[in-house]
C-alpha atoms as a PDB file:
ATOM      1  CA  UNK A   1       5.331   4.783   6.277  1.00  0.00           C
ATOM      2  CA  UNK A   2       2.921   6.595   3.951  1.00  0.00           C
ATOM      3  CA  UNK A   3       5.765   8.677   2.532  1.00  0.00           C
ATOM      4  CA  UNK A   4       7.783   5.580   1.589  1.00  0.00           C
ATOM      5  CA  UNK A   5       4.993   3.891  -0.401  1.00  0.00           C
ATOM      6  CA  UNK A   6       5.815   5.347  -3.841  1.00  0.00           C
ATOM      7  CA  UNK A   7       9.517   4.589  -3.520  1.00  0.00           C
ATOM      8  CA  UNK A   8       8.896   1.021  -2.391  1.00  0.00           C
ATOM      9  CA  UNK A   9       6.295   0.045  -4.998  1.00  0.00           C
ATOM     10  CA  UNK A  10       7.928   1.772  -7.952  1.00  0.00           C
ATOM     11  CA  UNK A  11       6.703   4.317 -10.493  1.00  0.00           C
ATOM     12  CA  UNK A  12       4.009   2.248 -12.230  1.00  0.00           C
ATOM     13  CA  UNK A  13       2.134   1.329  -9.063  1.00  0.00           C
ATOM     14  CA  UNK A  14       2.783   4.754  -7.556  1.00  0.00           C
ATOM     15  CA  UNK A  15       0.910   6.344 -10.488  1.00  0.00           C
ATOM     16  CA  UNK A  16      -2.134   4.170  -9.804  1.00  0.00           C
ATOM     17  CA  UNK A  17      -2.112   4.153  -5.997  1.00  0.00           C
ATOM     18  CA  UNK A  18      -1.713   6.470  -3.028  1.00  0.00           C
ATOM     19  CA  UNK A  19      -0.998   5.465   0.543  1.00  0.00           C
ATOM     20  CA  UNK A  20      -3.495   7.234   2.774  1.00  0.00           C
ATOM     21  CA  UNK A  21      -2.646   6.281   6.343  1.00  0.00           C
ATOM     22  CA  UNK A  22      -1.184   3.654   8.624  1.00  0.00           C
ATOM     23  CA  UNK A  23      -3.157   2.815  11.764  1.00  0.00           C
ATOM     24  CA  UNK A  24      -3.031  -0.176  14.086  1.00  0.00           C
ATOM     25  CA  UNK A  25      -0.708  -2.095  11.780  1.00  0.00           C
ATOM     26  CA  UNK A  26      -2.835  -1.562   8.667  1.00  0.00           C
ATOM     27  CA  UNK A  27      -1.677   0.529   5.731  1.00  0.00           C
ATOM     28  CA  UNK A  28      -4.651   1.849   3.748  1.00  0.00           C
ATOM     29  CA  UNK A  29      -3.931   2.434   0.059  1.00  0.00           C
ATOM     30  CA  UNK A  30      -6.250   4.125  -2.456  1.00  0.00           C
ATOM     31  CA  UNK A  31      -6.276   2.437  -5.891  1.00  0.00           C
ATOM     32  CA  UNK A  32      -7.490   4.346  -8.951  1.00  0.00           C
ATOM     33  CA  UNK A  33      -9.375   1.426 -10.508  1.00  0.00           C
ATOM     34  CA  UNK A  34     -11.049  -1.773  -9.289  1.00  0.00           C
ATOM     35  CA  UNK A  35      -9.093  -3.940 -11.728  1.00  0.00           C
ATOM     36  CA  UNK A  36      -5.818  -2.688 -10.257  1.00  0.00           C
ATOM     37  CA  UNK A  37      -7.127  -3.358  -6.786  1.00  0.00           C
ATOM     38  CA  UNK A  38      -7.636  -7.005  -7.725  1.00  0.00           C
ATOM     39  CA  UNK A  39      -4.102  -7.204  -9.160  1.00  0.00           C
ATOM     40  CA  UNK A  40      -2.662  -5.727  -5.976  1.00  0.00           C
ATOM     41  CA  UNK A  41      -4.419  -8.354  -3.865  1.00  0.00           C
ATOM     42  CA  UNK A  42      -2.423 -10.999  -5.752  1.00  0.00           C
ATOM     43  CA  UNK A  43       0.884  -9.362  -4.792  1.00  0.00           C
ATOM     44  CA  UNK A  44      -0.145  -8.054  -1.378  1.00  0.00           C
ATOM     45  CA  UNK A  45       2.234 -10.333   0.544  1.00  0.00           C
ATOM     46  CA  UNK A  46       5.160  -9.227  -1.599  1.00  0.00           C
ATOM     47  CA  UNK A  47       4.270  -5.549  -1.127  1.00  0.00           C
ATOM     48  CA  UNK A  48       3.805  -6.080   2.606  1.00  0.00           C
ATOM     49  CA  UNK A  49       7.258  -7.649   2.895  1.00  0.00           C
ATOM     50  CA  UNK A  50       8.817  -4.768   0.955  1.00  0.00           C
ATOM     51  CA  UNK A  51       7.107  -2.188   3.145  1.00  0.00           C
ATOM     52  CA  UNK A  52       8.135  -4.030   6.319  1.00  0.00           C
ATOM     53  CA  UNK A  53      11.745  -4.047   5.128  1.00  0.00           C
ATOM     54  CA  UNK A  54      11.610  -0.337   4.239  1.00  0.00           C
ATOM     55  CA  UNK A  55      10.022   0.624   7.578  1.00  0.00           C
ATOM     56  CA  UNK A  56      11.265  -1.862  10.185  1.00  0.00           C
ATOM     57  CA  UNK A  57      10.281   0.445  13.058  1.00  0.00           C
ATOM     58  CA  UNK A  58       6.566   0.152  12.130  1.00  0.00           C
ATOM     59  CA  UNK A  59       4.620  -2.969  13.118  1.00  0.00           C
ATOM     60  CA  UNK A  60       2.867  -3.333   9.755  1.00  0.00           C
ATOM     61  CA  UNK A  61       0.572  -6.369   9.604  1.00  0.00           C
ATOM     62  CA  UNK A  62      -1.544  -5.824   6.491  1.00  0.00           C
ATOM     63  CA  UNK A  63      -2.319  -3.584   3.545  1.00  0.00           C
ATOM     64  CA  UNK A  64      -5.918  -2.646   2.856  1.00  0.00           C
ATOM     65  CA  UNK A  65      -6.691  -1.558  -0.691  1.00  0.00           C
ATOM     66  CA  UNK A  66      -9.674   0.666  -1.379  1.00  0.00           C
ATOM     67  CA  UNK A  67     -11.095   2.249  -4.510  1.00  0.00           C
ATOM     68  CA  UNK A  68     -12.593   5.019  -2.387  1.00  0.00           C
ATOM     69  CA  UNK A  69     -10.573   8.088  -1.519  1.00  0.00           C
ATOM     70  CA  UNK A  70     -10.790   7.961   2.280  1.00  0.00           C
ATOM     71  CA  UNK A  71      -9.663  10.764   4.592  1.00  0.00           C
END
């Protein structure tokens, strides 16, 4: 799931984001700037649908965007 993020979202978003982990149906994505995080919230449902289509074997329920780099 994490490995597919950049290919699914495209080069522009991939430069500004990094998928960190997927746990309990939640994909956590680091965003390099708070303004981008707000933009991503507007298209979260679209990104979620694209990720679900790319990884049908994963029960992905939501994407959580964070401006902190979490391990």
